[in-house]
């Protein structure tokens, strides 16, 4: 099974962070990297950490204690580090050169997936460092999904060939 690393770049909402962590656990993400001002309880005063932990737990439901994670402040350092380890760098972002995830693609490489800030997305200088852009086509009037929903769709597309033909029960069947 290929490795998937998810990078949260300037995600503002603790609830989005929690939902993304839960989705990452469910789809076998190897690690989550927090960059920029993405909230997590590894910084701040004790009462601030407790508040963040409670908010993230509300949607993560314990995944925050399962999924391996680290903080790397500089997104460019993250990209360079994982590229040197052989990862393809992907961003979930709309653009002229983006791959439409509705079309069939086979993703065999280890992938570092960058998720950007809820309103403004991923800066152009970061996108230029990516090997590929992934886009989820829209049918309605809105231009994008909530970042946690988009993460689930993108990770499913990246992971589904690894899961094809298998059925894994994590809970004991009664």
Protein backbone atom coordinates (compact mmCIF):
# COMPACT_ATOMS: atom_id res chain seq x y z
CA UNK A 1 0.00 0.00 0.00
CA UNK A 2 1.37 3.40 -0.95
CA UNK A 3 2.07 6.03 1.67
CA UNK A 4 -0.19 9.05 1.90
CA UNK A 5 0.89 12.07 3.91
CA UNK A 6 -1.62 14.90 4.42
CA UNK A 7 -0.43 18.45 5.02
CA UNK A 8 -2.83 20.96 6.56
CA UNK A 9 -1.69 24.40 5.44
CA UNK A 10 -3.34 27.29 7.28
CA UNK A 11 -6.58 25.45 8.00
CA UNK A 12 -8.44 27.76 10.40
CA UNK A 13 -11.23 25.63 11.86
CA UNK A 14 -10.56 23.16 14.66
CA UNK A 15 -13.67 21.28 13.54
CA UNK A 16 -12.24 20.88 10.03
CA UNK A 17 -8.95 19.71 11.55
CA UNK A 18 -10.78 17.09 13.62
CA UNK A 19 -12.89 15.87 10.71
CA UNK A 20 -9.80 15.62 8.50
CA UNK A 21 -7.93 13.63 11.16
CA UNK A 22 -10.83 11.19 11.42
CA UNK A 23 -10.97 10.78 7.64
CA UNK A 24 -7.19 10.32 7.50
CA UNK A 25 -7.38 7.49 10.01
CA UNK A 26 -10.24 5.82 8.16
CA UNK A 27 -8.38 5.89 4.85
CA UNK A 28 -5.00 4.79 6.11
CA UNK A 29 -3.07 8.04 5.92
CA UNK A 30 0.48 7.50 7.15
CA UNK A 31 0.92 10.88 8.83
CA UNK A 32 -0.58 14.36 9.09
CA UNK A 33 1.61 17.46 9.03
CA UNK A 34 0.41 20.75 10.51
CA UNK A 35 1.81 23.86 8.85
CA UNK A 36 1.27 27.58 9.15
CA UNK A 37 -1.40 28.60 11.64
CA UNK A 38 -3.35 25.33 11.53
CA UNK A 39 -4.60 24.81 15.11
CA UNK A 40 -3.49 21.89 17.24
CA UNK A 41 -2.91 21.59 20.96
CA UNK A 42 0.89 21.37 20.75
CA UNK A 43 1.30 25.12 21.37
CA UNK A 44 0.02 27.75 23.74
CA UNK A 45 -0.89 28.01 27.39
CA UNK A 46 -2.46 24.99 29.13
CA UNK A 47 -6.01 26.42 29.06
CA UNK A 48 -5.63 27.22 25.34
CA UNK A 49 -4.34 23.72 24.63
CA UNK A 50 -7.28 22.20 26.54
CA UNK A 51 -9.77 24.27 24.54
CA UNK A 52 -8.20 23.29 21.20
CA UNK A 53 -8.03 19.62 22.19
CA UNK A 54 -11.73 19.63 23.15
CA UNK A 55 -12.75 21.31 19.87
CA UNK A 56 -10.66 18.99 17.70
CA UNK A 57 -11.90 15.93 19.60
CA UNK A 58 -15.51 16.91 18.91
CA UNK A 59 -15.14 15.88 15.25
CA UNK A 60 -12.04 13.65 15.40
CA UNK A 61 -13.64 11.34 17.99
CA UNK A 62 -10.27 9.98 19.13
CA UNK A 63 -8.50 9.92 15.76
CA UNK A 64 -6.37 12.79 17.04
CA UNK A 65 -4.76 10.25 19.39
CA UNK A 66 -4.27 7.58 16.71
CA UNK A 67 -2.92 9.22 13.56
CA UNK A 68 0.80 10.07 13.64
CA UNK A 69 1.43 13.78 13.24
CA UNK A 70 4.09 16.44 13.34
CA UNK A 71 4.33 20.20 13.00
CA UNK A 72 6.56 21.79 10.37
CA UNK A 73 6.10 25.55 10.17
CA UNK A 74 7.37 26.09 6.61
CA UNK A 75 5.32 24.50 3.82
CA UNK A 76 8.30 24.74 1.44
CA UNK A 77 10.43 22.76 3.90
CA UNK A 78 7.69 20.09 4.00
CA UNK A 79 7.63 19.89 0.19
CA UNK A 80 11.41 19.68 -0.14
CA UNK A 81 11.71 17.10 2.63
CA UNK A 82 9.12 14.73 1.20
CA UNK A 83 10.20 15.21 -2.41
CA UNK A 84 13.70 14.10 -1.35
CA UNK A 85 12.08 10.94 0.10
CA UNK A 86 10.53 10.13 -3.30
CA UNK A 87 7.01 11.43 -2.68
CA UNK A 88 5.00 13.08 -5.45
CA UNK A 89 3.68 16.42 -4.25
CA UNK A 90 -0.02 17.00 -4.90
CA UNK A 91 -2.31 19.88 -3.99
CA UNK A 92 -6.08 19.76 -3.77
CA UNK A 93 -6.75 22.89 -5.79
CA UNK A 94 -8.60 24.01 -8.91
CA UNK A 95 -6.47 25.18 -11.80
CA UNK A 96 -5.88 24.99 -15.53
CA UNK A 97 -3.55 22.01 -15.22
CA UNK A 98 -5.45 20.15 -12.49
CA UNK A 99 -6.48 16.51 -12.85
CA UNK A 100 -10.22 16.00 -12.72
CA UNK A 101 -10.76 13.38 -10.01
CA UNK A 102 -13.98 12.27 -11.74
CA UNK A 103 -11.79 10.75 -14.46
CA UNK A 104 -10.05 7.48 -13.80
CA UNK A 105 -6.46 7.80 -12.58
CA UNK A 106 -4.11 5.32 -11.01
CA UNK A 107 -1.99 6.77 -8.24
CA UNK A 108 0.84 4.32 -7.54
CA UNK A 109 3.37 6.67 -5.98
CA UNK A 110 3.74 7.76 -2.39
CA UNK A 111 1.91 11.10 -2.23
CA UNK A 112 2.10 14.18 -0.05
CA UNK A 113 -1.31 15.88 -0.35
CA UNK A 114 -1.50 19.58 0.54
CA UNK A 115 -4.81 21.02 1.72
CA UNK A 116 -5.14 24.78 1.81
CA UNK A 117 -6.86 27.48 3.79
CA UNK A 118 -10.66 27.34 3.64
CA UNK A 119 -11.29 30.62 1.81
CA UNK A 120 -8.13 31.45 -0.14
CA UNK A 121 -6.76 27.98 -0.83
CA UNK A 122 -3.07 27.37 -1.52
CA UNK A 123 -0.76 30.24 -2.56
CA UNK A 124 0.59 30.27 -6.12
CA UNK A 125 4.24 29.96 -5.03
CA UNK A 126 3.36 26.72 -3.25
CA UNK A 127 1.30 25.41 -6.17
CA UNK A 128 4.26 25.93 -8.49
CA UNK A 129 6.25 23.48 -6.35
CA UNK A 130 3.65 20.74 -6.76
CA UNK A 131 3.91 17.85 -9.21
CA UNK A 132 0.16 17.72 -9.71
CA UNK A 133 -3.04 19.52 -8.83
CA UNK A 134 -6.16 17.52 -8.06
CA UNK A 135 -9.60 18.96 -8.68
CA UNK A 136 -13.06 17.78 -7.68
CA UNK A 137 -15.57 18.90 -10.33
CA UNK A 138 -18.54 20.94 -9.11
CA UNK A 139 -22.12 20.57 -10.32
CA UNK A 140 -23.85 23.36 -8.42
CA UNK A 141 -23.35 27.08 -8.07
CA UNK A 142 -20.71 26.83 -5.34
CA UNK A 143 -17.09 26.63 -6.44
CA UNK A 144 -15.81 24.28 -3.75
CA UNK A 145 -16.62 21.82 -0.98
CA UNK A 146 -15.79 22.37 2.66
CA UNK A 147 -12.12 21.40 3.09
CA UNK A 148 -12.93 18.39 5.27
CA UNK A 149 -15.45 17.04 2.74
CA UNK A 150 -13.04 17.66 -0.14
CA UNK A 151 -10.33 15.82 1.80
CA UNK A 152 -12.53 12.74 2.09
CA UNK A 153 -13.31 12.73 -1.62
CA UNK A 154 -9.67 13.24 -2.64
CA UNK A 155 -8.26 10.66 -0.22
CA UNK A 156 -10.82 8.11 -1.34
CA UNK A 157 -9.77 8.63 -4.97
CA UNK A 158 -6.09 8.35 -4.05
CA UNK A 159 -6.60 5.25 -1.91
CA UNK A 160 -9.35 3.28 -3.68
CA UNK A 161 -7.08 1.16 -5.87
CA UNK A 162 -5.34 -0.05 -2.69
CA UNK A 163 -8.71 -1.08 -1.23
CA UNK A 164 -10.20 -2.65 -4.35
CA UNK A 165 -11.37 -6.20 -3.78
CA UNK A 166 -10.71 -6.16 -0.04
CA UNK A 167 -13.00 -5.76 2.87
CA UNK A 168 -11.46 -4.96 6.19
CA UNK A 169 -13.40 -4.93 9.43
CA UNK A 170 -11.76 -2.93 12.15
CA UNK A 171 -14.43 -3.78 14.69
CA UNK A 172 -15.29 -7.23 15.93
CA UNK A 173 -18.32 -8.61 14.15
CA UNK A 174 -21.14 -9.68 16.51
